[in-house]
Amino acid sequence: MRTTTMLVTAVLALATAACGNESRQETREDVAAARQQAAEDVGEARDDAAKAAAKGAYDVAIANAEGAYKIAIERCEALMADAQDGCKEAAEAELEAAKRAAETMRDRQM
């Protein structure tokens, strides 16, 4: 989309230059249009960057939660058999809570 807009703007600029000098009004209008397009392009780029950052933060949070879960499960394995089930259930509950928190954080930022 941006490439098409830039291409059209360039073609129009070349066509106008070939026809002679622009009037001051035409120049002002072209400058205003270029500023508007630049502002839109910057806004789109900022949105894309924010989404990428939110996705990255989510990925890190999930990896952290899964790592903590694996560590907790290994610790549970060291417990007596009757205590292992409760320990593993608690670890799974913490993992699910961490995943929900990461999803909420990501969704707020997007």
PDB file of N, CA and C in Angstrom:
ATOM      1  N   MET A   1       0.831  -1.187   0.000  1.00  0.00           N
ATOM      2  CA  MET A   1       0.000   0.000   0.000  1.00  0.00           C
ATOM      3  C   MET A   1       0.871   1.244   0.000  1.00  0.00           C
ATOM      4  N   ARG A   2       1.847   1.267   0.915  1.00  0.00           N
ATOM      5  CA  ARG A   2       2.725   2.434   0.967  1.00  0.00           C
ATOM      6  C   ARG A   2       3.546   2.556  -0.309  1.00  0.00           C
ATOM      7  N   THR A   3       3.992   1.429  -0.838  1.00  0.00           N
ATOM      8  CA  THR A   3       4.796   1.444  -2.050  1.00  0.00           C
ATOM      9  C   THR A   3       3.977   1.985  -3.213  1.00  0.00           C
ATOM     10  N   THR A   4       2.734   1.569  -3.316  1.00  0.00           N
ATOM     11  CA  THR A   4       1.864   2.051  -4.383  1.00  0.00           C
ATOM     12  C   THR A   4       1.648   3.550  -4.258  1.00  0.00           C
ATOM     13  N   THR A   5       1.384   4.006  -3.051  1.00  0.00           N
ATOM     14  CA  THR A   5       1.162   5.437  -2.823  1.00  0.00           C
ATOM     15  C   THR A   5       2.410   6.234  -3.168  1.00  0.00           C
ATOM     16  N   MET A   6       3.555   5.724  -2.763  1.00  0.00           N
ATOM     17  CA  MET A   6       4.803   6.432  -3.060  1.00  0.00           C
ATOM     18  C   MET A   6       5.065   6.457  -4.561  1.00  0.00           C
ATOM     19  N   LEU A   7       4.748   5.354  -5.233  1.00  0.00           N
ATOM     20  CA  LEU A   7       4.952   5.278  -6.678  1.00  0.00           C
ATOM     21  C   LEU A   7       4.039   6.270  -7.394  1.00  0.00           C
ATOM     22  N   VAL A   8       2.781   6.321  -6.994  1.00  0.00           N
ATOM     23  CA  VAL A   8       1.834   7.265  -7.598  1.00  0.00           C
ATOM     24  C   VAL A   8       2.302   8.692  -7.359  1.00  0.00           C
ATOM     25  N   THR A   9       2.742   8.990  -6.147  1.00  0.00           N
ATOM     26  CA  THR A   9       3.235  10.326  -5.827  1.00  0.00           C
ATOM     27  C   THR A   9       4.438  10.686  -6.691  1.00  0.00           C
ATOM     28  N   ALA A  10       5.345   9.748  -6.884  1.00  0.00           N
ATOM     29  CA  ALA A  10       6.529   9.998  -7.700  1.00  0.00           C
ATOM     30  C   ALA A  10       6.152  10.234  -9.163  1.00  0.00           C
ATOM     31  N   VAL A  11       5.229   9.427  -9.681  1.00  0.00           N
ATOM     32  CA  VAL A  11       4.796   9.594 -11.068  1.00  0.00           C
ATOM     33  C   VAL A  11       4.125  10.947 -11.253  1.00  0.00           C
ATOM     34  N   LEU A  12       3.280  11.317 -10.302  1.00  0.00           N
ATOM     35  CA  LEU A  12       2.621  12.621 -10.386  1.00  0.00           C
ATOM     36  C   LEU A  12       3.636  13.757 -10.315  1.00  0.00           C
ATOM     37  N   ALA A  13       4.621  13.603  -9.488  1.00  0.00           N
ATOM     38  CA  ALA A  13       5.645  14.635  -9.374  1.00  0.00           C
ATOM     39  C   ALA A  13       6.431  14.768 -10.671  1.00  0.00           C
ATOM     40  N   LEU A  14       6.781  13.646 -11.278  1.00  0.00           N
ATOM     41  CA  LEU A  14       7.511  13.684 -12.550  1.00  0.00           C
ATOM     42  C   LEU A  14       6.636  14.266 -13.666  1.00  0.00           C
ATOM     43  N   ALA A  15       5.374  13.899 -13.688  1.00  0.00           N
ATOM     44  CA  ALA A  15       4.473  14.418 -14.720  1.00  0.00           C
ATOM     45  C   ALA A  15       4.299  15.922 -14.566  1.00  0.00           C
ATOM     46  N   THR A  16       4.191  16.354 -13.351  1.00  0.00           N
ATOM     47  CA  THR A  16       4.027  17.783 -13.099  1.00  0.00           C
ATOM     48  C   THR A  16       5.304  18.536 -13.463  1.00  0.00           C
ATOM     49  N   ALA A  17       6.444  17.960 -13.144  1.00  0.00           N
ATOM     50  CA  ALA A  17       7.714  18.613 -13.464  1.00  0.00           C
ATOM     51  C   ALA A  17       7.898  18.716 -14.980  1.00  0.00           C
ATOM     52  N   ALA A  18       7.436  17.718 -15.703  1.00  0.00           N
ATOM     53  CA  ALA A  18       7.579  17.730 -17.151  1.00  0.00           C
ATOM     54  C   ALA A  18       6.701  18.801 -17.787  1.00  0.00           C
ATOM     55  N   CYS A  19       5.626  19.159 -17.137  1.00  0.00           N
ATOM     56  CA  CYS A  19       4.700  20.145 -17.687  1.00  0.00           C
ATOM     57  C   CYS A  19       5.124  21.574 -17.383  1.00  0.00           C
ATOM     58  N   GLY A  20       6.112  21.763 -16.601  1.00  0.00           N
ATOM     59  CA  GLY A  20       6.554  23.113 -16.267  1.00  0.00           C
ATOM     60  C   GLY A  20       6.448  23.357 -14.780  1.00  0.00           C
ATOM     61  N   ASN A  21       6.601  24.581 -14.406  1.00  0.00           N
ATOM     62  CA  ASN A  21       6.565  24.932 -12.992  1.00  0.00           C
ATOM     63  C   ASN A  21       5.148  24.856 -12.446  1.00  0.00           C
ATOM     64  N   GLU A  22       5.060  24.382 -11.201  1.00  0.00           N
ATOM     65  CA  GLU A  22       3.783  24.348 -10.516  1.00  0.00           C
ATOM     66  C   GLU A  22       3.455  25.726  -9.976  1.00  0.00           C
ATOM     67  N   SER A  23       2.190  25.940  -9.801  1.00  0.00           N
ATOM     68  CA  SER A  23       1.804  27.178  -9.136  1.00  0.00           C
ATOM     69  C   SER A  23       2.093  27.008  -7.648  1.00  0.00           C
ATOM     70  N   ARG A  24       2.130  28.075  -6.933  1.00  0.00           N
ATOM     71  CA  ARG A  24       2.386  28.005  -5.494  1.00  0.00           C
ATOM     72  C   ARG A  24       1.282  27.211  -4.798  1.00  0.00           C
ATOM     73  N   GLN A  25       0.074  27.374  -5.260  1.00  0.00           N
ATOM     74  CA  GLN A  25      -1.056  26.635  -4.665  1.00  0.00           C
ATOM     75  C   GLN A  25      -0.869  25.127  -4.878  1.00  0.00           C
ATOM     76  N   GLU A  26      -0.471  24.733  -6.080  1.00  0.00           N
ATOM     77  CA  GLU A  26      -0.241  23.315  -6.359  1.00  0.00           C
ATOM     78  C   GLU A  26       0.890  22.774  -5.496  1.00  0.00           C
ATOM     79  N   THR A  27       1.920  23.567  -5.349  1.00  0.00           N
ATOM     80  CA  THR A  27       3.047  23.143  -4.515  1.00  0.00           C
ATOM     81  C   THR A  27       2.602  22.958  -3.069  1.00  0.00           C
ATOM     82  N   ARG A  28       1.833  23.925  -2.555  1.00  0.00           N
ATOM     83  CA  ARG A  28       1.337  23.809  -1.175  1.00  0.00           C
ATOM     84  C   ARG A  28       0.473  22.557  -1.009  1.00  0.00           C
ATOM     85  N   GLU A  29      -0.380  22.291  -1.982  1.00  0.00           N
ATOM     86  CA  GLU A  29      -1.236  21.111  -1.919  1.00  0.00           C
ATOM     87  C   GLU A  29      -0.416  19.826  -1.962  1.00  0.00           C
ATOM     88  N   ASP A  30       0.599  19.793  -2.829  1.00  0.00           N
ATOM     89  CA  ASP A  30       1.465  18.615  -2.919  1.00  0.00           C
ATOM     90  C   ASP A  30       2.232  18.398  -1.623  1.00  0.00           C
ATOM     91  N   VAL A  31       2.737  19.476  -1.053  1.00  0.00           N
ATOM     92  CA  VAL A  31       3.473  19.373   0.214  1.00  0.00           C
ATOM     93  C   VAL A  31       2.536  18.875   1.314  1.00  0.00           C
ATOM     94  N   ALA A  32       1.335  19.410   1.372  1.00  0.00           N
ATOM     95  CA  ALA A  32       0.361  18.985   2.385  1.00  0.00           C
ATOM     96  C   ALA A  32       0.026  17.501   2.221  1.00  0.00           C
ATOM     97  N   ALA A  33      -0.160  17.069   0.984  1.00  0.00           N
ATOM     98  CA  ALA A  33      -0.464  15.659   0.724  1.00  0.00           C
ATOM     99  C   ALA A  33       0.706  14.768   1.126  1.00  0.00           C
ATOM    100  N   ALA A  34       1.913  15.210   0.821  1.00  0.00           N
ATOM    101  CA  ALA A  34       3.101  14.435   1.188  1.00  0.00           C
ATOM    102  C   ALA A  34       3.241  14.342   2.702  1.00  0.00           C
ATOM    103  N   ARG A  35       2.965  15.435   3.404  1.00  0.00           N
ATOM    104  CA  ARG A  35       3.029  15.428   4.873  1.00  0.00           C
ATOM    105  C   ARG A  35       1.991  14.462   5.441  1.00  0.00           C
ATOM    106  N   GLN A  36       0.789  14.510   4.893  1.00  0.00           N
ATOM    107  CA  GLN A  36      -0.281  13.626   5.356  1.00  0.00           C
ATOM    108  C   GLN A  36       0.111  12.166   5.147  1.00  0.00           C
ATOM    109  N   GLN A  37       0.631  11.853   3.976  1.00  0.00           N
ATOM    110  CA  GLN A  37       1.038  10.481   3.689  1.00  0.00           C
ATOM    111  C   GLN A  37       2.167  10.045   4.603  1.00  0.00           C
ATOM    112  N   ALA A  38       3.120  10.923   4.833  1.00  0.00           N
ATOM    113  CA  ALA A  38       4.235  10.597   5.725  1.00  0.00           C
ATOM    114  C   ALA A  38       3.724  10.324   7.139  1.00  0.00           C
ATOM    115  N   ALA A  39       2.788  11.124   7.607  1.00  0.00           N
ATOM    116  CA  ALA A  39       2.222  10.922   8.946  1.00  0.00           C
ATOM    117  C   ALA A  39       1.503   9.574   9.037  1.00  0.00           C
ATOM    118  N   GLU A  40       0.765   9.224   7.999  1.00  0.00           N
ATOM    119  CA  GLU A  40       0.076   7.932   7.976  1.00  0.00           C
ATOM    120  C   GLU A  40       1.074   6.780   7.970  1.00  0.00           C
ATOM    121  N   ASP A  41       2.130   6.907   7.179  1.00  0.00           N
ATOM    122  CA  ASP A  41       3.160   5.868   7.116  1.00  0.00           C
ATOM    123  C   ASP A  41       3.837   5.682   8.468  1.00  0.00           C
ATOM    124  N   VAL A  42       4.147   6.779   9.134  1.00  0.00           N
ATOM    125  CA  VAL A  42       4.782   6.705  10.458  1.00  0.00           C
ATOM    126  C   VAL A  42       3.826   6.061  11.453  1.00  0.00           C
ATOM    127  N   GLY A  43       2.560   6.426  11.401  1.00  0.00           N
ATOM    128  CA  GLY A  43       1.568   5.829  12.299  1.00  0.00           C
ATOM    129  C   GLY A  43       1.454   4.326  12.106  1.00  0.00           C
ATOM    130  N   GLU A  44       1.420   3.889  10.853  1.00  0.00           N
ATOM    131  CA  GLU A  44       1.367   2.456  10.561  1.00  0.00           C
ATOM    132  C   GLU A  44       2.620   1.744  11.073  1.00  0.00           C
ATOM    133  N   ALA A  45       3.767   2.351  10.871  1.00  0.00           N
ATOM    134  CA  ALA A  45       5.014   1.745  11.335  1.00  0.00           C
ATOM    135  C   ALA A  45       5.027   1.632  12.857  1.00  0.00           C
ATOM    136  N   ARG A  46       4.534   2.660  13.539  1.00  0.00           N
ATOM    137  CA  ARG A  46       4.470   2.606  15.011  1.00  0.00           C
ATOM    138  C   ARG A  46       3.526   1.500  15.469  1.00  0.00           C
ATOM    139  N   ASP A  47       2.383   1.373  14.821  1.00  0.00           N
ATOM    140  CA  ASP A  47       1.444   0.303  15.164  1.00  0.00           C
ATOM    141  C   ASP A  47       2.083  -1.066  14.977  1.00  0.00           C
ATOM    142  N   ASP A  48       2.767  -1.245  13.854  1.00  0.00           N
ATOM    143  CA  ASP A  48       3.438  -2.518  13.581  1.00  0.00           C
ATOM    144  C   ASP A  48       4.500  -2.815  14.638  1.00  0.00           C
ATOM    145  N   ALA A  49       5.258  -1.802  15.025  1.00  0.00           N
ATOM    146  CA  ALA A  49       6.305  -1.984  16.035  1.00  0.00           C
ATOM    147  C   ALA A  49       5.702  -2.335  17.391  1.00  0.00           C
ATOM    148  N   ALA A  50       4.594  -1.697  17.751  1.00  0.00           N
ATOM    149  CA  ALA A  50       3.937  -1.982  19.029  1.00  0.00           C
ATOM    150  C   ALA A  50       3.416  -3.414  19.063  1.00  0.00           C
ATOM    151  N   LYS A  51       2.852  -3.864  17.948  1.00  0.00           N
ATOM    152  CA  LYS A  51       2.358  -5.238  17.884  1.00  0.00           C
ATOM    153  C   LYS A  51       3.507  -6.238  17.986  1.00  0.00           C
ATOM    154  N   ALA A  52       4.605  -5.943  17.331  1.00  0.00           N
ATOM    155  CA  ALA A  52       5.769  -6.830  17.393  1.00  0.00           C
ATOM    156  C   ALA A  52       6.330  -6.884  18.811  1.00  0.00           C
ATOM    157  N   ALA A  53       6.369  -5.735  19.487  1.00  0.00           N
ATOM    158  CA  ALA A  53       6.876  -5.696  20.864  1.00  0.00           C
ATOM    159  C   ALA A  53       5.955  -6.485  21.787  1.00  0.00           C
ATOM    160  N   ALA A  54       4.647  -6.349  21.606  1.00  0.00           N
ATOM    161  CA  ALA A  54       3.692  -7.083  22.439  1.00  0.00           C
ATOM    162  C   ALA A  54       3.839  -8.584  22.218  1.00  0.00           C
ATOM    163  N   LYS A  55       4.012  -8.983  20.975  1.00  0.00           N
ATOM    164  CA  LYS A  55       4.203 -10.405  20.663  1.00  0.00           C
ATOM    165  C   LYS A  55       5.491 -10.918  21.284  1.00  0.00           C
ATOM    166  N   GLY A  56       6.546 -10.123  21.211  1.00  0.00           N
ATOM    167  CA  GLY A  56       7.817 -10.532  21.804  1.00  0.00           C
ATOM    168  C   GLY A  56       7.732 -10.671  23.317  1.00  0.00           C
ATOM    169  N   ALA A  57       7.061  -9.724  23.961  1.00  0.00           N
ATOM    170  CA  ALA A  57       6.903  -9.787  25.412  1.00  0.00           C
ATOM    171  C   ALA A  57       6.074 -11.007  25.804  1.00  0.00           C
ATOM    172  N   TYR A  58       5.062 -11.306  25.021  1.00  0.00           N
ATOM    173  CA  TYR A  58       4.234 -12.493  25.270  1.00  0.00           C
ATOM    174  C   TYR A  58       5.076 -13.764  25.149  1.00  0.00           C
ATOM    175  N   ASP A  59       5.856 -13.866  24.085  1.00  0.00           N
ATOM    176  CA  ASP A  59       6.697 -15.044  23.875  1.00  0.00           C
ATOM    177  C   ASP A  59       7.665 -15.250  25.037  1.00  0.00           C
ATOM    178  N   VAL A  60       8.255 -14.160  25.520  1.00  0.00           N
ATOM    179  CA  VAL A  60       9.184 -14.248  26.657  1.00  0.00           C
ATOM    180  C   VAL A  60       8.446 -14.697  27.911  1.00  0.00           C
ATOM    181  N   ALA A  61       7.268 -14.137  28.154  1.00  0.00           N
ATOM    182  CA  ALA A  61       6.499 -14.505  29.345  1.00  0.00           C
ATOM    183  C   ALA A  61       6.099 -15.979  29.315  1.00  0.00           C
ATOM    184  N   ILE A  62       5.703 -16.472  28.149  1.00  0.00           N
ATOM    185  CA  ILE A  62       5.327 -17.887  28.026  1.00  0.00           C
ATOM    186  C   ILE A  62       6.544 -18.781  28.247  1.00  0.00           C
ATOM    187  N   ALA A  63       7.664 -18.432  27.653  1.00  0.00           N
ATOM    188  CA  ALA A  63       8.881 -19.234  27.844  1.00  0.00           C
ATOM    189  C   ALA A  63       9.291 -19.250  29.311  1.00  0.00           C
ATOM    190  N   ASN A  64       9.169 -18.111  29.970  1.00  0.00           N
ATOM    191  CA  ASN A  64       9.507 -18.023  31.387  1.00  0.00           C
ATOM    192  C   ASN A  64       8.569 -18.904  32.217  1.00  0.00           C
ATOM    193  N   ALA A  65       7.267 -18.840  31.922  1.00  0.00           N
ATOM    194  CA  ALA A  65       6.284 -19.643  32.650  1.00  0.00           C
ATOM    195  C   ALA A  65       6.523 -21.139  32.446  1.00  0.00           C
ATOM    196  N   GLU A  66       6.820 -21.516  31.222  1.00  0.00           N
ATOM    197  CA  GLU A  66       7.074 -22.937  30.949  1.00  0.00           C
ATOM    198  C   GLU A  66       8.359 -23.417  31.614  1.00  0.00           C
ATOM    199  N   GLY A  67       9.363 -22.559  31.650  1.00  0.00           N
ATOM    200  CA  GLY A  67      10.596 -22.919  32.350  1.00  0.00           C
ATOM    201  C   GLY A  67      10.366 -23.096  33.842  1.00  0.00           C
ATOM    202  N   ALA A  68       9.611 -22.182  34.435  1.00  0.00           N
ATOM    203  CA  ALA A  68       9.294 -22.287  35.864  1.00  0.00           C
ATOM    204  C   ALA A  68       8.489 -23.549  36.145  1.00  0.00           C
ATOM    205  N   TYR A  69       7.601 -23.898  35.225  1.00  0.00           N
ATOM    206  CA  TYR A  69       6.797 -25.117  35.382  1.00  0.00           C
ATOM    207  C   TYR A  69       7.699 -26.356  35.374  1.00  0.00           C
ATOM    208  N   LYS A  70       8.621 -26.429  34.441  1.00  0.00           N
ATOM    209  CA  LYS A  70       9.519 -27.587  34.361  1.00  0.00           C
ATOM    210  C   LYS A  70      10.355 -27.718  35.628  1.00  0.00           C
ATOM    211  N   ILE A  71      10.818 -26.597  36.148  1.00  0.00           N
ATOM    212  CA  ILE A  71      11.589 -26.617  37.389  1.00  0.00           C
ATOM    213  C   ILE A  71      10.715 -27.112  38.548  1.00  0.00           C
ATOM    214  N   ALA A  72       9.485 -26.598  38.615  1.00  0.00           N
ATOM    215  CA  ALA A  72       8.575 -27.006  39.686  1.00  0.00           C
ATOM    216  C   ALA A  72       8.280 -28.504  39.619  1.00  0.00           C
ATOM    217  N   ILE A  73       8.061 -29.023  38.414  1.00  0.00           N
ATOM    218  CA  ILE A  73       7.787 -30.462  38.259  1.00  0.00           C
ATOM    219  C   ILE A  73       8.980 -31.285  38.740  1.00  0.00           C
ATOM    220  N   GLU A  74      10.182 -30.856  38.406  1.00  0.00           N
ATOM    221  CA  GLU A  74      11.375 -31.581  38.871  1.00  0.00           C
ATOM    222  C   GLU A  74      11.459 -31.570  40.395  1.00  0.00           C
ATOM    223  N   ARG A  75      11.091 -30.456  41.003  1.00  0.00           N
ATOM    224  CA  ARG A  75      11.084 -30.385  42.472  1.00  0.00           C
ATOM    225  C   ARG A  75      10.012 -31.307  43.049  1.00  0.00           C
ATOM    226  N   CYS A  76       8.878 -31.379  42.369  1.00  0.00           N
ATOM    227  CA  CYS A  76       7.808 -32.269  42.826  1.00  0.00           C
ATOM    228  C   CYS A  76       8.262 -33.730  42.828  1.00  0.00           C
ATOM    229  N   GLU A  77       9.072 -34.076  41.856  1.00  0.00           N
ATOM    230  CA  GLU A  77       9.562 -35.456  41.744  1.00  0.00           C
ATOM    231  C   GLU A  77      10.377 -35.877  42.967  1.00  0.00           C
ATOM    232  N   ALA A  78      10.937 -34.916  43.666  1.00  0.00           N
ATOM    233  CA  ALA A  78      11.749 -35.233  44.844  1.00  0.00           C
ATOM    234  C   ALA A  78      10.897 -35.501  46.087  1.00  0.00           C
ATOM    235  N   LEU A  79       9.617 -35.196  46.012  1.00  0.00           N
ATOM    236  CA  LEU A  79       8.722 -35.378  47.157  1.00  0.00           C
ATOM    237  C   LEU A  79       8.265 -36.829  47.266  1.00  0.00           C
ATOM    238  N   MET A  80       7.694 -37.144  48.405  1.00  0.00           N
ATOM    239  CA  MET A  80       7.104 -38.462  48.607  1.00  0.00           C
ATOM    240  C   MET A  80       5.946 -38.623  47.612  1.00  0.00           C
ATOM    241  N   ALA A  81       5.636 -39.828  47.246  1.00  0.00           N
ATOM    242  CA  ALA A  81       4.632 -40.118  46.226  1.00  0.00           C
ATOM    243  C   ALA A  81       3.286 -39.476  46.531  1.00  0.00           C
ATOM    244  N   ASP A  82       2.874 -39.482  47.785  1.00  0.00           N
ATOM    245  CA  ASP A  82       1.563 -38.935  48.120  1.00  0.00           C
ATOM    246  C   ASP A  82       1.519 -37.414  48.016  1.00  0.00           C
ATOM    247  N   ALA A  83       2.643 -36.739  48.055  1.00  0.00           N
ATOM    248  CA  ALA A  83       2.704 -35.285  47.959  1.00  0.00           C
ATOM    249  C   ALA A  83       2.931 -34.806  46.520  1.00  0.00           C
ATOM    250  N   GLN A  84       3.357 -35.711  45.666  1.00  0.00           N
ATOM    251  CA  GLN A  84       3.677 -35.327  44.290  1.00  0.00           C
ATOM    252  C   GLN A  84       2.460 -34.829  43.515  1.00  0.00           C
ATOM    253  N   ASP A  85       1.327 -35.479  43.662  1.00  0.00           N
ATOM    254  CA  ASP A  85       0.132 -35.093  42.903  1.00  0.00           C
ATOM    255  C   ASP A  85      -0.275 -33.657  43.203  1.00  0.00           C
ATOM    256  N   GLY A  86      -0.340 -33.302  44.470  1.00  0.00           N
ATOM    257  CA  GLY A  86      -0.715 -31.946  44.854  1.00  0.00           C
ATOM    258  C   GLY A  86       0.298 -30.924  44.368  1.00  0.00           C
ATOM    259  N   CYS A  87       1.550 -31.294  44.443  1.00  0.00           N
ATOM    260  CA  CYS A  87       2.620 -30.399  43.989  1.00  0.00           C
ATOM    261  C   CYS A  87       2.504 -30.156  42.485  1.00  0.00           C
ATOM    262  N   LYS A  88       2.277 -31.224  41.732  1.00  0.00           N
ATOM    263  CA  LYS A  88       2.160 -31.099  40.276  1.00  0.00           C
ATOM    264  C   LYS A  88       0.911 -30.302  39.882  1.00  0.00           C
ATOM    265  N   GLU A  89      -0.173 -30.508  40.610  1.00  0.00           N
ATOM    266  CA  GLU A  89      -1.395 -29.741  40.340  1.00  0.00           C
ATOM    267  C   GLU A  89      -1.157 -28.254  40.586  1.00  0.00           C
ATOM    268  N   ALA A  90      -0.445 -27.948  41.660  1.00  0.00           N
ATOM    269  CA  ALA A  90      -0.136 -26.541  41.958  1.00  0.00           C
ATOM    270  C   ALA A  90       0.748 -25.950  40.864  1.00  0.00           C
ATOM    271  N   ALA A  91       1.724 -26.721  40.382  1.00  0.00           N
ATOM    272  CA  ALA A  91       2.610 -26.252  39.315  1.00  0.00           C
ATOM    273  C   ALA A  91       1.814 -25.994  38.033  1.00  0.00           C
ATOM    274  N   GLU A  92       0.891 -26.888  37.725  1.00  0.00           N
ATOM    275  CA  GLU A  92       0.062 -26.714  36.534  1.00  0.00           C
ATOM    276  C   GLU A  92      -0.850 -25.488  36.666  1.00  0.00           C
ATOM    277  N   ALA A  93      -1.385 -25.279  37.853  1.00  0.00           N
ATOM    278  CA  ALA A  93      -2.236 -24.107  38.079  1.00  0.00           C
ATOM    279  C   ALA A  93      -1.431 -22.821  37.919  1.00  0.00           C
ATOM    280  N   GLU A  94      -0.210 -22.811  38.414  1.00  0.00           N
ATOM    281  CA  GLU A  94       0.650 -21.637  38.258  1.00  0.00           C
ATOM    282  C   GLU A  94       0.990 -21.400  36.783  1.00  0.00           C
ATOM    283  N   LEU A  95       1.226 -22.454  36.047  1.00  0.00           N
ATOM    284  CA  LEU A  95       1.516 -22.327  34.619  1.00  0.00           C
ATOM    285  C   LEU A  95       0.317 -21.721  33.890  1.00  0.00           C
ATOM    286  N   GLU A  96      -0.856 -22.239  34.150  1.00  0.00           N
ATOM    287  CA  GLU A  96      -2.058 -21.720  33.489  1.00  0.00           C
ATOM    288  C   GLU A  96      -2.314 -20.262  33.862  1.00  0.00           C
ATOM    289  N   ALA A  97      -2.102 -19.903  35.114  1.00  0.00           N
ATOM    290  CA  ALA A  97      -2.289 -18.510  35.540  1.00  0.00           C
ATOM    291  C   ALA A  97      -1.289 -17.597  34.846  1.00  0.00           C
ATOM    292  N   ALA A  98      -0.045 -18.049  34.725  1.00  0.00           N
ATOM    293  CA  ALA A  98       0.980 -17.249  34.056  1.00  0.00           C
ATOM    294  C   ALA A  98       0.653 -17.071  32.576  1.00  0.00           C
ATOM    295  N   LYS A  99       0.130 -18.118  31.955  1.00  0.00           N
ATOM    296  CA  LYS A  99      -0.257 -18.019  30.537  1.00  0.00           C
ATOM    297  C   LYS A  99      -1.405 -17.036  30.356  1.00  0.00           C
ATOM    298  N   ARG A 100      -2.403 -17.098  31.243  1.00  0.00           N
ATOM    299  CA  ARG A 100      -3.522 -16.154  31.156  1.00  0.00           C
ATOM    300  C   ARG A 100      -3.047 -14.718  31.352  1.00  0.00           C
ATOM    301  N   ALA A 101      -2.129 -14.525  32.294  1.00  0.00           N
ATOM    302  CA  ALA A 101      -1.588 -13.180  32.536  1.00  0.00           C
ATOM    303  C   ALA A 101      -0.830 -12.676  31.308  1.00  0.00           C
ATOM    304  N   ALA A 102      -0.063 -13.552  30.679  1.00  0.00           N
ATOM    305  CA  ALA A 102       0.681 -13.161  29.471  1.00  0.00           C
ATOM    306  C   ALA A 102      -0.276 -12.815  28.335  1.00  0.00           C
ATOM    307  N   GLU A 103      -1.336 -13.579  28.192  1.00  0.00           N
ATOM    308  CA  GLU A 103      -2.320 -13.299  27.149  1.00  0.00           C
ATOM    309  C   GLU A 103      -3.025 -11.966  27.399  1.00  0.00           C
ATOM    310  N   THR A 104      -3.358 -11.715  28.648  1.00  0.00           N
ATOM    311  CA  THR A 104      -4.014 -10.446  28.995  1.00  0.00           C
ATOM    312  C   THR A 104      -3.095  -9.275  28.697  1.00  0.00           C
ATOM    313  N   MET A 105      -1.828  -9.399  29.075  1.00  0.00           N
ATOM    314  CA  MET A 105      -0.846  -8.348  28.815  1.00  0.00           C
ATOM    315  C   MET A 105      -0.710  -8.095  27.312  1.00  0.00           C
ATOM    316  N   ARG A 106      -0.605  -9.170  26.550  1.00  0.00           N
ATOM    317  CA  ARG A 106      -0.458  -9.051  25.094  1.00  0.00           C
ATOM    318  C   ARG A 106      -1.691  -8.400  24.466  1.00  0.00           C
ATOM    319  N   ASP A 107      -2.862  -8.828  24.881  1.00  0.00           N
ATOM    320  CA  ASP A 107      -4.101  -8.310  24.308  1.00  0.00           C
ATOM    321  C   ASP A 107      -4.301  -6.825  24.628  1.00  0.00           C
ATOM    322  N   ARG A 108      -3.882  -6.389  25.781  1.00  0.00           N
ATOM    323  CA  ARG A 108      -3.987  -4.967  26.141  1.00  0.00           C
ATOM    324  C   ARG A 108      -3.078  -4.101  25.280  1.00  0.00           C
ATOM    325  N   GLN A 109      -1.925  -4.642  24.925  1.00  0.00           N
ATOM    326  CA  GLN A 109      -0.953  -3.872  24.161  1.00  0.00           C
ATOM    327  C   GLN A 109      -1.254  -3.875  22.673  1.00  0.00           C
ATOM    328  N   MET A 110      -2.066  -4.780  22.224  1.00  0.00           N
ATOM    329  CA  MET A 110      -2.376  -4.846  20.793  1.00  0.00           C
ATOM    330  C   MET A 110      -3.639  -4.092  20.588  1.00  0.00           C
TER     331      MET A 110
END
